Amino acid sequence: MHVTPKTLSSWFNILRENPDMLPRFGECFWESQLVSKERIVDYVFPEQGSSVVYIFGGWYGILAQLIDDNHMTQKIYTIDIDSHCEEILTKYCPVNNIVPVTADMAEFKYVHHPDVVINTSTEHVDQETYDKWWKNIPQDTFYILQGNNLTIPEHIRTATDINHFMEINHCKKPSVKEVIECPGPNGTFERYMIAGYK
């Protein structure tokens, strides 16, 4: 996974000018967060040339920037329900083909037909929200999903194992099915990743 100086400097500029953001923004840089993004960028993201990518639960756009640093993309939409994320990305990380959007994933309307849909925050939404989001993905779209079994207050829909993760996320025949062991606050936890065509 390649990270450009421009991307790195944008992250540090956020912290230089907004030191109060360190606790929350710093959550993006746990080893488990970086490993999970590396798996998408280096091993799963399809090599299909210029493409339109949608990232749900995009947070502060770290994954969008990493994809942009490593792959040719036509447009990357990074969607989060927190409007502060869009404000930060617009001010500190302006890239022509990365579009930050404030929206509830369940209510989001696709601007362009997606080539790739990514959701790395499946444990942060209830089943009803997830089901509505999944239903809106156009058929035959390539998807990448991640979630985990880490029990913390923010995680409201965790899976017990990779098969349970596939079941609650409606993925019947993924082409990629992976368990990533991650260091956590109390030992290790499992992060699940599945990818394929809807």
N, C-alpha and C. Protein backbone atom coordinates (compact mmCIF):
# COMPACT_ATOMS: atom_id res chain seq x y z
N MET A 1 0.85 -1.19 0.00
CA MET A 1 0.00 0.00 0.00
C MET A 1 0.89 1.24 0.00
N HIS A 2 0.69 2.08 -0.99
CA HIS A 2 1.48 3.30 -1.14
C HIS A 2 0.70 4.48 -0.55
N VAL A 3 1.39 5.34 0.18
CA VAL A 3 0.78 6.55 0.72
C VAL A 3 1.60 7.74 0.24
N THR A 4 0.97 8.68 -0.45
CA THR A 4 1.71 9.82 -0.99
C THR A 4 2.01 10.84 0.10
N PRO A 5 3.06 11.64 -0.10
CA PRO A 5 3.34 12.72 0.85
C PRO A 5 2.16 13.68 1.02
N LYS A 6 1.44 13.93 -0.07
CA LYS A 6 0.28 14.83 0.02
C LYS A 6 -0.77 14.29 0.97
N THR A 7 -1.02 12.97 0.90
CA THR A 7 -2.00 12.36 1.79
C THR A 7 -1.53 12.41 3.24
N LEU A 8 -0.28 12.04 3.47
CA LEU A 8 0.26 12.07 4.84
C LEU A 8 0.22 13.48 5.43
N SER A 9 0.60 14.46 4.64
CA SER A 9 0.63 15.83 5.15
C SER A 9 -0.78 16.33 5.46
N SER A 10 -1.77 15.89 4.67
CA SER A 10 -3.15 16.31 4.94
C SER A 10 -3.61 15.80 6.30
N TRP A 11 -3.24 14.56 6.66
CA TRP A 11 -3.62 14.02 7.97
C TRP A 11 -2.99 14.83 9.09
N PHE A 12 -1.70 15.16 8.95
CA PHE A 12 -1.03 15.92 10.00
C PHE A 12 -1.50 17.36 10.06
N ASN A 13 -1.89 17.92 8.93
CA ASN A 13 -2.44 19.28 8.94
C ASN A 13 -3.75 19.33 9.72
N ILE A 14 -4.55 18.28 9.60
CA ILE A 14 -5.79 18.22 10.39
C ILE A 14 -5.46 18.31 11.87
N LEU A 15 -4.47 17.55 12.31
CA LEU A 15 -4.13 17.52 13.73
C LEU A 15 -3.42 18.79 14.18
N ARG A 16 -2.58 19.36 13.32
CA ARG A 16 -1.90 20.61 13.68
C ARG A 16 -2.89 21.73 13.97
N GLU A 17 -3.91 21.82 13.13
CA GLU A 17 -4.86 22.92 13.23
C GLU A 17 -6.07 22.60 14.11
N ASN A 18 -6.24 21.32 14.44
CA ASN A 18 -7.39 20.90 15.25
C ASN A 18 -6.95 19.88 16.30
N PRO A 19 -6.09 20.29 17.24
CA PRO A 19 -5.58 19.32 18.22
C PRO A 19 -6.67 18.65 19.04
N ASP A 20 -7.81 19.33 19.18
CA ASP A 20 -8.92 18.74 19.93
C ASP A 20 -9.52 17.53 19.21
N MET A 21 -9.19 17.36 17.92
CA MET A 21 -9.70 16.22 17.15
C MET A 21 -8.90 14.94 17.35
N LEU A 22 -7.75 15.06 18.03
CA LEU A 22 -6.85 13.91 18.14
C LEU A 22 -7.53 12.65 18.65
N PRO A 23 -8.31 12.70 19.74
CA PRO A 23 -8.90 11.44 20.21
C PRO A 23 -9.74 10.74 19.13
N ARG A 24 -10.60 11.49 18.45
CA ARG A 24 -11.49 10.85 17.46
C ARG A 24 -10.76 10.54 16.15
N PHE A 25 -10.02 11.50 15.64
CA PHE A 25 -9.29 11.28 14.39
C PHE A 25 -8.24 10.20 14.58
N GLY A 26 -7.65 10.14 15.76
CA GLY A 26 -6.64 9.13 16.05
C GLY A 26 -7.18 7.71 15.99
N GLU A 27 -8.49 7.55 16.16
CA GLU A 27 -9.10 6.22 16.08
C GLU A 27 -8.93 5.62 14.68
N CYS A 28 -8.70 6.46 13.67
CA CYS A 28 -8.52 5.96 12.31
C CYS A 28 -7.19 5.23 12.13
N PHE A 29 -6.29 5.37 13.11
CA PHE A 29 -4.93 4.88 12.90
C PHE A 29 -4.51 3.77 13.85
N TRP A 30 -5.49 3.08 14.47
CA TRP A 30 -5.17 1.85 15.17
C TRP A 30 -4.62 0.86 14.15
N GLU A 31 -3.75 -0.02 14.60
CA GLU A 31 -3.18 -1.02 13.68
C GLU A 31 -4.27 -1.79 12.96
N SER A 32 -5.33 -2.16 13.68
CA SER A 32 -6.42 -2.93 13.06
C SER A 32 -7.10 -2.14 11.95
N GLN A 33 -7.23 -0.81 12.12
CA GLN A 33 -7.83 0.03 11.09
C GLN A 33 -6.94 0.07 9.84
N LEU A 34 -5.64 0.21 10.06
CA LEU A 34 -4.72 0.30 8.92
C LEU A 34 -4.59 -1.04 8.19
N VAL A 35 -4.55 -2.13 8.94
CA VAL A 35 -4.45 -3.46 8.31
C VAL A 35 -5.69 -3.73 7.48
N SER A 36 -6.86 -3.39 8.01
CA SER A 36 -8.10 -3.66 7.26
C SER A 36 -8.15 -2.85 5.97
N LYS A 37 -7.66 -1.63 6.00
CA LYS A 37 -7.63 -0.81 4.80
C LYS A 37 -6.58 -1.33 3.81
N GLU A 38 -5.45 -1.78 4.33
CA GLU A 38 -4.41 -2.35 3.47
C GLU A 38 -4.94 -3.57 2.72
N ARG A 39 -5.73 -4.39 3.39
CA ARG A 39 -6.28 -5.59 2.74
C ARG A 39 -7.17 -5.20 1.56
N ILE A 40 -7.93 -4.15 1.72
CA ILE A 40 -8.79 -3.68 0.63
C ILE A 40 -7.95 -3.13 -0.52
N VAL A 41 -7.00 -2.27 -0.19
CA VAL A 41 -6.22 -1.58 -1.21
C VAL A 41 -5.30 -2.54 -1.97
N ASP A 42 -4.64 -3.44 -1.26
CA ASP A 42 -3.62 -4.29 -1.88
C ASP A 42 -4.12 -5.63 -2.39
N TYR A 43 -5.17 -6.16 -1.79
CA TYR A 43 -5.51 -7.55 -2.08
C TYR A 43 -6.92 -7.77 -2.63
N VAL A 44 -7.81 -6.85 -2.39
CA VAL A 44 -9.19 -7.08 -2.78
C VAL A 44 -9.67 -6.14 -3.86
N PHE A 45 -9.25 -4.89 -3.80
CA PHE A 45 -9.78 -3.90 -4.73
C PHE A 45 -9.56 -4.35 -6.16
N PRO A 46 -10.62 -4.43 -6.96
CA PRO A 46 -10.50 -4.98 -8.31
C PRO A 46 -9.68 -4.08 -9.24
N GLU A 47 -8.86 -4.71 -10.02
CA GLU A 47 -8.06 -3.98 -11.01
C GLU A 47 -8.87 -3.85 -12.30
N GLN A 48 -9.69 -2.83 -12.36
CA GLN A 48 -10.54 -2.70 -13.54
C GLN A 48 -10.46 -1.30 -14.16
N GLY A 49 -9.30 -0.68 -13.96
CA GLY A 49 -9.13 0.63 -14.58
C GLY A 49 -9.96 1.69 -13.89
N SER A 50 -10.31 2.69 -14.62
CA SER A 50 -11.08 3.79 -14.08
C SER A 50 -12.45 3.32 -13.63
N SER A 51 -12.81 3.62 -12.39
CA SER A 51 -14.07 3.12 -11.85
C SER A 51 -14.69 4.15 -10.90
N VAL A 52 -15.99 3.95 -10.63
CA VAL A 52 -16.73 4.77 -9.70
C VAL A 52 -16.91 3.97 -8.42
N VAL A 53 -16.41 4.52 -7.32
CA VAL A 53 -16.37 3.81 -6.04
C VAL A 53 -17.21 4.56 -5.01
N TYR A 54 -17.98 3.81 -4.22
CA TYR A 54 -18.74 4.37 -3.11
C TYR A 54 -18.28 3.71 -1.82
N ILE A 55 -17.88 4.51 -0.84
CA ILE A 55 -17.46 3.99 0.47
C ILE A 55 -18.47 4.47 1.50
N PHE A 56 -19.11 3.53 2.19
CA PHE A 56 -20.10 3.88 3.21
C PHE A 56 -19.48 3.72 4.59
N GLY A 57 -19.78 4.68 5.47
CA GLY A 57 -19.09 4.74 6.74
C GLY A 57 -17.67 5.22 6.49
N GLY A 58 -17.53 6.18 5.56
CA GLY A 58 -16.22 6.62 5.09
C GLY A 58 -15.42 7.40 6.11
N TRP A 59 -16.09 7.87 7.17
CA TRP A 59 -15.43 8.55 8.26
C TRP A 59 -14.69 9.77 7.73
N TYR A 60 -13.40 9.91 8.01
CA TYR A 60 -12.65 11.08 7.57
C TYR A 60 -11.96 10.87 6.22
N GLY A 61 -12.38 9.88 5.48
CA GLY A 61 -11.90 9.70 4.11
C GLY A 61 -10.54 9.04 3.98
N ILE A 62 -10.05 8.39 5.03
CA ILE A 62 -8.73 7.77 4.97
C ILE A 62 -8.69 6.70 3.88
N LEU A 63 -9.70 5.83 3.86
CA LEU A 63 -9.72 4.76 2.85
C LEU A 63 -9.84 5.35 1.44
N ALA A 64 -10.66 6.38 1.27
CA ALA A 64 -10.79 7.01 -0.05
C ALA A 64 -9.45 7.54 -0.54
N GLN A 65 -8.70 8.17 0.34
CA GLN A 65 -7.39 8.71 -0.03
C GLN A 65 -6.42 7.59 -0.39
N LEU A 66 -6.45 6.50 0.38
CA LEU A 66 -5.55 5.39 0.11
C LEU A 66 -5.87 4.71 -1.22
N ILE A 67 -7.15 4.55 -1.52
CA ILE A 67 -7.54 3.99 -2.81
C ILE A 67 -7.07 4.91 -3.93
N ASP A 68 -7.27 6.22 -3.74
CA ASP A 68 -6.85 7.18 -4.76
C ASP A 68 -5.34 7.17 -4.96
N ASP A 69 -4.59 6.96 -3.89
CA ASP A 69 -3.12 6.91 -3.99
C ASP A 69 -2.63 5.67 -4.74
N ASN A 70 -3.45 4.62 -4.79
CA ASN A 70 -2.98 3.33 -5.31
C ASN A 70 -3.69 2.82 -6.55
N HIS A 71 -4.81 3.43 -6.92
CA HIS A 71 -5.60 2.91 -8.04
C HIS A 71 -6.14 4.04 -8.90
N MET A 72 -6.33 3.75 -10.17
CA MET A 72 -6.95 4.71 -11.07
C MET A 72 -8.45 4.68 -10.84
N THR A 73 -9.01 5.79 -10.42
CA THR A 73 -10.45 5.87 -10.21
C THR A 73 -11.02 7.10 -10.89
N GLN A 74 -12.22 6.96 -11.36
CA GLN A 74 -12.91 8.09 -11.98
C GLN A 74 -13.48 8.99 -10.91
N LYS A 75 -14.09 8.38 -9.89
CA LYS A 75 -14.70 9.15 -8.81
C LYS A 75 -14.84 8.24 -7.58
N ILE A 76 -14.55 8.81 -6.40
CA ILE A 76 -14.74 8.10 -5.15
C ILE A 76 -15.68 8.93 -4.28
N TYR A 77 -16.82 8.37 -3.94
CA TYR A 77 -17.75 9.02 -3.02
C TYR A 77 -17.53 8.39 -1.64
N THR A 78 -17.21 9.22 -0.64
CA THR A 78 -17.04 8.72 0.72
C THR A 78 -18.16 9.28 1.57
N ILE A 79 -19.02 8.39 2.04
CA ILE A 79 -20.29 8.78 2.66
C ILE A 79 -20.26 8.49 4.15
N ASP A 80 -20.65 9.49 4.95
CA ASP A 80 -20.75 9.30 6.40
C ASP A 80 -21.91 10.13 6.91
N ILE A 81 -22.53 9.66 7.97
CA ILE A 81 -23.69 10.37 8.52
C ILE A 81 -23.28 11.60 9.32
N ASP A 82 -22.00 11.65 9.72
CA ASP A 82 -21.46 12.76 10.50
C ASP A 82 -21.01 13.89 9.56
N SER A 83 -21.68 15.03 9.61
CA SER A 83 -21.37 16.15 8.70
C SER A 83 -19.97 16.71 8.94
N HIS A 84 -19.42 16.52 10.12
CA HIS A 84 -18.07 17.01 10.42
C HIS A 84 -17.04 16.35 9.52
N CYS A 85 -17.29 15.11 9.13
CA CYS A 85 -16.37 14.40 8.25
C CYS A 85 -16.27 15.10 6.89
N GLU A 86 -17.40 15.48 6.34
CA GLU A 86 -17.40 16.19 5.06
C GLU A 86 -16.69 17.53 5.18
N GLU A 87 -16.90 18.24 6.28
CA GLU A 87 -16.25 19.53 6.48
C GLU A 87 -14.73 19.39 6.52
N ILE A 88 -14.25 18.40 7.24
CA ILE A 88 -12.80 18.18 7.37
C ILE A 88 -12.19 17.79 6.04
N LEU A 89 -12.83 16.86 5.33
CA LEU A 89 -12.30 16.41 4.04
C LEU A 89 -12.27 17.55 3.02
N THR A 90 -13.32 18.32 2.99
CA THR A 90 -13.40 19.44 2.03
C THR A 90 -12.30 20.46 2.28
N LYS A 91 -12.01 20.73 3.55
CA LYS A 91 -11.02 21.76 3.89
C LYS A 91 -9.59 21.26 3.77
N TYR A 92 -9.31 20.03 4.24
CA TYR A 92 -7.93 19.60 4.36
C TYR A 92 -7.48 18.58 3.31
N CYS A 93 -8.41 17.94 2.66
CA CYS A 93 -8.04 16.87 1.73
C CYS A 93 -8.73 17.06 0.38
N PRO A 94 -8.64 18.25 -0.22
CA PRO A 94 -9.34 18.46 -1.48
C PRO A 94 -8.66 17.71 -2.63
N VAL A 95 -9.38 16.73 -3.16
CA VAL A 95 -8.91 15.96 -4.31
C VAL A 95 -10.07 15.95 -5.30
N ASN A 96 -9.78 16.25 -6.55
CA ASN A 96 -10.86 16.41 -7.54
C ASN A 96 -11.79 15.23 -7.63
N ASN A 97 -11.25 14.02 -7.54
CA ASN A 97 -12.12 12.86 -7.77
C ASN A 97 -12.61 12.21 -6.48
N ILE A 98 -12.34 12.82 -5.30
CA ILE A 98 -12.90 12.33 -4.04
C ILE A 98 -14.01 13.29 -3.61
N VAL A 99 -15.20 12.74 -3.45
CA VAL A 99 -16.37 13.56 -3.11
C VAL A 99 -16.91 13.14 -1.74
N PRO A 100 -16.71 13.97 -0.70
CA PRO A 100 -17.30 13.65 0.60
C PRO A 100 -18.79 13.98 0.61
N VAL A 101 -19.58 13.10 1.22
CA VAL A 101 -21.03 13.27 1.25
C VAL A 101 -21.54 12.98 2.65
N THR A 102 -22.41 13.85 3.15
CA THR A 102 -23.08 13.59 4.42
C THR A 102 -24.44 12.96 4.13
N ALA A 103 -24.62 11.72 4.59
CA ALA A 103 -25.89 11.02 4.32
C ALA A 103 -26.00 9.79 5.20
N ASP A 104 -27.23 9.40 5.45
CA ASP A 104 -27.53 8.12 6.08
C ASP A 104 -27.42 7.06 4.99
N MET A 105 -26.63 6.03 5.22
CA MET A 105 -26.42 5.04 4.16
C MET A 105 -27.71 4.40 3.68
N ALA A 106 -28.69 4.25 4.56
CA ALA A 106 -29.94 3.61 4.18
C ALA A 106 -30.77 4.46 3.24
N GLU A 107 -30.54 5.78 3.27
CA GLU A 107 -31.33 6.71 2.45
C GLU A 107 -30.55 7.22 1.24
N PHE A 108 -29.32 6.79 1.08
CA PHE A 108 -28.46 7.33 0.03
C PHE A 108 -28.94 6.94 -1.36
N LYS A 109 -28.90 7.91 -2.27
CA LYS A 109 -29.25 7.66 -3.67
C LYS A 109 -27.98 7.77 -4.52
N TYR A 110 -27.70 6.76 -5.31
CA TYR A 110 -26.49 6.75 -6.13
C TYR A 110 -26.55 7.84 -7.20
N VAL A 111 -25.48 8.61 -7.29
CA VAL A 111 -25.38 9.68 -8.29
C VAL A 111 -25.02 9.09 -9.65
N HIS A 112 -24.06 8.17 -9.64
CA HIS A 112 -23.64 7.44 -10.84
C HIS A 112 -23.70 5.95 -10.52
N HIS A 113 -23.84 5.14 -11.54
CA HIS A 113 -23.86 3.69 -11.32
C HIS A 113 -22.53 3.26 -10.72
N PRO A 114 -22.54 2.53 -9.59
CA PRO A 114 -21.29 2.15 -8.94
C PRO A 114 -20.61 0.96 -9.61
N ASP A 115 -19.28 1.03 -9.69
CA ASP A 115 -18.49 -0.14 -10.08
C ASP A 115 -18.08 -0.93 -8.84
N VAL A 116 -17.82 -0.20 -7.75
CA VAL A 116 -17.41 -0.82 -6.49
C VAL A 116 -18.17 -0.15 -5.34
N VAL A 117 -18.73 -0.96 -4.43
CA VAL A 117 -19.38 -0.46 -3.23
C VAL A 117 -18.66 -1.07 -2.03
N ILE A 118 -18.23 -0.22 -1.10
CA ILE A 118 -17.47 -0.66 0.06
C ILE A 118 -18.20 -0.22 1.33
N ASN A 119 -18.30 -1.14 2.29
CA ASN A 119 -18.86 -0.79 3.60
C ASN A 119 -17.98 -1.46 4.66
N THR A 120 -17.20 -0.66 5.36
CA THR A 120 -16.33 -1.19 6.41
C THR A 120 -16.89 -0.91 7.80
N SER A 121 -18.15 -0.48 7.86
CA SER A 121 -18.77 -0.10 9.13
C SER A 121 -20.05 -0.88 9.38
N THR A 122 -20.09 -2.12 8.94
CA THR A 122 -21.33 -2.90 9.04
C THR A 122 -21.75 -3.14 10.48
N GLU A 123 -20.79 -3.11 11.42
CA GLU A 123 -21.12 -3.36 12.82
C GLU A 123 -21.72 -2.13 13.51
N HIS A 124 -21.71 -0.99 12.81
CA HIS A 124 -22.19 0.26 13.40
C HIS A 124 -23.66 0.56 13.10
N VAL A 125 -24.32 -0.29 12.34
CA VAL A 125 -25.72 -0.04 11.97
C VAL A 125 -26.58 -1.24 12.35
N ASP A 126 -27.86 -0.97 12.64
CA ASP A 126 -28.76 -2.07 12.98
C ASP A 126 -29.15 -2.84 11.72
N GLN A 127 -29.82 -3.98 11.91
CA GLN A 127 -30.13 -4.85 10.78
C GLN A 127 -31.07 -4.19 9.78
N GLU A 128 -32.03 -3.43 10.27
CA GLU A 128 -32.98 -2.76 9.38
C GLU A 128 -32.27 -1.75 8.46
N THR A 129 -31.36 -0.98 9.04
CA THR A 129 -30.59 0.00 8.25
C THR A 129 -29.73 -0.71 7.23
N TYR A 130 -29.05 -1.77 7.67
CA TYR A 130 -28.19 -2.51 6.75
C TYR A 130 -29.01 -3.10 5.61
N ASP A 131 -30.13 -3.72 5.93
CA ASP A 131 -30.95 -4.38 4.90
C ASP A 131 -31.40 -3.38 3.84
N LYS A 132 -31.78 -2.20 4.27
CA LYS A 132 -32.23 -1.17 3.33
C LYS A 132 -31.06 -0.73 2.45
N TRP A 133 -29.88 -0.55 3.07
CA TRP A 133 -28.68 -0.17 2.31
C TRP A 133 -28.33 -1.24 1.28
N TRP A 134 -28.33 -2.50 1.69
CA TRP A 134 -27.97 -3.61 0.80
C TRP A 134 -28.93 -3.70 -0.38
N LYS A 135 -30.20 -3.52 -0.11
CA LYS A 135 -31.22 -3.61 -1.16
C LYS A 135 -30.99 -2.55 -2.23
N ASN A 136 -30.45 -1.39 -1.85
CA ASN A 136 -30.25 -0.29 -2.80
C ASN A 136 -29.06 -0.49 -3.73
N ILE A 137 -28.17 -1.43 -3.42
CA ILE A 137 -27.01 -1.66 -4.28
C ILE A 137 -27.48 -2.30 -5.58
N PRO A 138 -27.13 -1.76 -6.72
CA PRO A 138 -27.54 -2.37 -7.99
C PRO A 138 -27.00 -3.79 -8.14
N GLN A 139 -27.80 -4.63 -8.76
CA GLN A 139 -27.39 -6.02 -8.98
C GLN A 139 -26.11 -6.07 -9.82
N ASP A 140 -25.28 -7.08 -9.53
CA ASP A 140 -24.01 -7.33 -10.25
C ASP A 140 -22.92 -6.32 -9.92
N THR A 141 -23.09 -5.52 -8.87
CA THR A 141 -22.06 -4.58 -8.44
C THR A 141 -21.04 -5.31 -7.57
N PHE A 142 -19.76 -4.98 -7.75
CA PHE A 142 -18.72 -5.56 -6.89
C PHE A 142 -18.79 -4.89 -5.53
N TYR A 143 -18.82 -5.69 -4.46
CA TYR A 143 -18.89 -5.15 -3.11
C TYR A 143 -17.72 -5.66 -2.27
N ILE A 144 -17.36 -4.87 -1.26
CA ILE A 144 -16.39 -5.27 -0.24
C ILE A 144 -17.01 -4.89 1.11
N LEU A 145 -17.12 -5.87 2.00
CA LEU A 145 -17.70 -5.63 3.32
C LEU A 145 -16.71 -6.03 4.40
N GLN A 146 -16.66 -5.24 5.46
CA GLN A 146 -15.89 -5.60 6.64
C GLN A 146 -16.72 -5.36 7.89
N GLY A 147 -16.47 -6.17 8.89
CA GLY A 147 -17.09 -6.04 10.20
C GLY A 147 -16.24 -6.82 11.19
N ASN A 148 -16.70 -6.95 12.43
CA ASN A 148 -15.87 -7.65 13.41
C ASN A 148 -16.70 -8.23 14.54
N ASN A 149 -15.98 -8.86 15.48
CA ASN A 149 -16.63 -9.42 16.66
C ASN A 149 -16.22 -8.70 17.93
N LEU A 150 -15.72 -7.45 17.79
CA LEU A 150 -15.28 -6.67 18.95
C LEU A 150 -16.49 -6.04 19.64
N THR A 151 -16.65 -6.34 20.92
CA THR A 151 -17.77 -5.82 21.68
C THR A 151 -17.39 -4.52 22.38
N ILE A 152 -17.87 -3.42 21.81
CA ILE A 152 -17.74 -2.10 22.42
C ILE A 152 -19.08 -1.38 22.19
N PRO A 153 -19.37 -0.32 22.95
CA PRO A 153 -20.68 0.33 22.83
C PRO A 153 -21.08 0.75 21.42
N GLU A 154 -20.11 1.19 20.59
CA GLU A 154 -20.44 1.66 19.25
C GLU A 154 -20.83 0.54 18.29
N HIS A 155 -20.48 -0.69 18.63
CA HIS A 155 -20.76 -1.82 17.74
C HIS A 155 -22.08 -2.47 18.13
N ILE A 156 -23.08 -2.30 17.28
CA ILE A 156 -24.42 -2.76 17.63
C ILE A 156 -24.86 -3.98 16.82
N ARG A 157 -24.02 -4.44 15.87
CA ARG A 157 -24.40 -5.60 15.04
C ARG A 157 -23.13 -6.39 14.69
N THR A 158 -22.54 -6.99 15.71
CA THR A 158 -21.32 -7.77 15.49
C THR A 158 -21.67 -9.19 15.09
N ALA A 159 -20.71 -9.87 14.47
CA ALA A 159 -20.88 -11.26 14.06
C ALA A 159 -20.07 -12.16 14.99
N THR A 160 -20.48 -13.42 15.11
CA THR A 160 -19.76 -14.35 15.97
C THR A 160 -18.62 -15.05 15.24
N ASP A 161 -18.76 -15.18 13.91
CA ASP A 161 -17.71 -15.77 13.08
C ASP A 161 -17.96 -15.37 11.63
N ILE A 162 -17.09 -15.80 10.73
CA ILE A 162 -17.19 -15.39 9.33
C ILE A 162 -18.48 -15.86 8.68
N ASN A 163 -18.95 -17.05 9.05
CA ASN A 163 -20.20 -17.56 8.46
C ASN A 163 -21.41 -16.77 8.94
N HIS A 164 -21.40 -16.39 10.21
CA HIS A 164 -22.47 -15.54 10.73
C HIS A 164 -22.43 -14.17 10.05
N PHE A 165 -21.21 -13.66 9.81
CA PHE A 165 -21.05 -12.39 9.13
C PHE A 165 -21.65 -12.44 7.73
N MET A 166 -21.39 -13.53 7.01
CA MET A 166 -21.97 -13.70 5.68
C MET A 166 -23.49 -13.75 5.75
N GLU A 167 -24.00 -14.44 6.75
CA GLU A 167 -25.45 -14.61 6.87
C GLU A 167 -26.16 -13.29 7.12
N ILE A 168 -25.69 -12.52 8.11
CA ILE A 168 -26.40 -11.28 8.45
C ILE A 168 -26.21 -10.19 7.40
N ASN A 169 -25.20 -10.38 6.52
CA ASN A 169 -24.95 -9.39 5.47
C ASN A 169 -25.43 -9.85 4.09
N HIS A 170 -26.11 -11.00 4.03
CA HIS A 170 -26.77 -11.49 2.81
C HIS A 170 -25.80 -11.84 1.67
N CYS A 171 -24.62 -12.32 2.01
CA CYS A 171 -23.62 -12.65 1.00
C CYS A 171 -23.54 -14.16 0.84
N LYS A 172 -24.06 -14.64 -0.28
CA LYS A 172 -24.20 -16.08 -0.47
C LYS A 172 -22.97 -16.74 -1.07
N LYS A 173 -22.36 -16.14 -2.08
CA LYS A 173 -21.22 -16.76 -2.74
C LYS A 173 -20.10 -15.74 -2.99
N PRO A 174 -19.47 -15.27 -1.92
CA PRO A 174 -18.40 -14.28 -2.12
C PRO A 174 -17.17 -14.91 -2.76
N SER A 175 -16.44 -14.11 -3.51
CA SER A 175 -15.19 -14.59 -4.11
C SER A 175 -14.02 -14.45 -3.14
N VAL A 176 -14.17 -13.58 -2.13
CA VAL A 176 -13.17 -13.42 -1.08
C VAL A 176 -13.85 -13.59 0.26
N LYS A 177 -13.25 -14.37 1.13
CA LYS A 177 -13.80 -14.64 2.46
C LYS A 177 -12.60 -14.75 3.40
N GLU A 178 -12.45 -13.78 4.31
CA GLU A 178 -11.21 -13.70 5.06
C GLU A 178 -11.45 -13.27 6.51
N VAL A 179 -10.68 -13.88 7.40
CA VAL A 179 -10.68 -13.49 8.81
C VAL A 179 -9.32 -12.87 9.10
N ILE A 180 -9.32 -11.65 9.61
CA ILE A 180 -8.08 -10.93 9.93
C ILE A 180 -7.97 -10.83 11.44
N GLU A 181 -6.92 -11.41 12.01
CA GLU A 181 -6.67 -11.29 13.46
C GLU A 181 -6.10 -9.91 13.74
N CYS A 182 -6.74 -9.17 14.65
CA CYS A 182 -6.33 -7.80 14.92
C CYS A 182 -6.05 -7.59 16.41
N PRO A 183 -5.04 -6.79 16.72
CA PRO A 183 -4.82 -6.45 18.12
C PRO A 183 -5.92 -5.51 18.61
N GLY A 184 -6.44 -5.78 19.81
CA GLY A 184 -7.51 -4.96 20.34
C GLY A 184 -7.23 -4.48 21.74
N PRO A 185 -8.21 -3.86 22.36
CA PRO A 185 -7.99 -3.30 23.71
C PRO A 185 -7.78 -4.37 24.77
N ASN A 186 -8.34 -5.56 24.55
CA ASN A 186 -8.21 -6.65 25.52
C ASN A 186 -7.81 -7.93 24.81
N GLY A 187 -6.63 -7.93 24.22
CA GLY A 187 -6.19 -9.09 23.45
C GLY A 187 -6.49 -8.88 21.97
N THR A 188 -6.81 -9.96 21.27
CA THR A 188 -7.10 -9.86 19.84
C THR A 188 -8.59 -10.01 19.57
N PHE A 189 -9.00 -9.53 18.41
CA PHE A 189 -10.37 -9.75 17.94
C PHE A 189 -10.30 -10.09 16.47
N GLU A 190 -11.42 -10.54 15.92
CA GLU A 190 -11.46 -10.94 14.52
C GLU A 190 -12.18 -9.88 13.69
N ARG A 191 -11.56 -9.54 12.56
CA ARG A 191 -12.21 -8.66 11.59
C ARG A 191 -12.53 -9.52 10.37
N TYR A 192 -13.76 -9.44 9.91
CA TYR A 192 -14.22 -10.26 8.80
C TYR A 192 -14.29 -9.43 7.53
N MET A 193 -13.89 -10.03 6.43
CA MET A 193 -13.95 -9.35 5.14
C MET A 193 -14.50 -10.31 4.10
N ILE A 194 -15.48 -9.85 3.36
CA ILE A 194 -16.01 -10.61 2.24
C ILE A 194 -16.15 -9.68 1.05
N ALA A 195 -15.96 -10.23 -0.12
CA ALA A 195 -16.07 -9.44 -1.35
C ALA A 195 -16.60 -10.33 -2.46
N GLY A 196 -17.28 -9.72 -3.38
CA GLY A 196 -17.82 -10.48 -4.51
C GLY A 196 -18.79 -9.62 -5.29
N TYR A 197 -19.61 -10.25 -6.09
CA TYR A 197 -20.61 -9.53 -6.88
C TYR A 197 -22.00 -9.83 -6.34
N LYS A 198 -22.76 -8.78 -6.14
CA LYS A 198 -24.12 -8.95 -5.59
C LYS A 198 -24.99 -9.71 -6.59
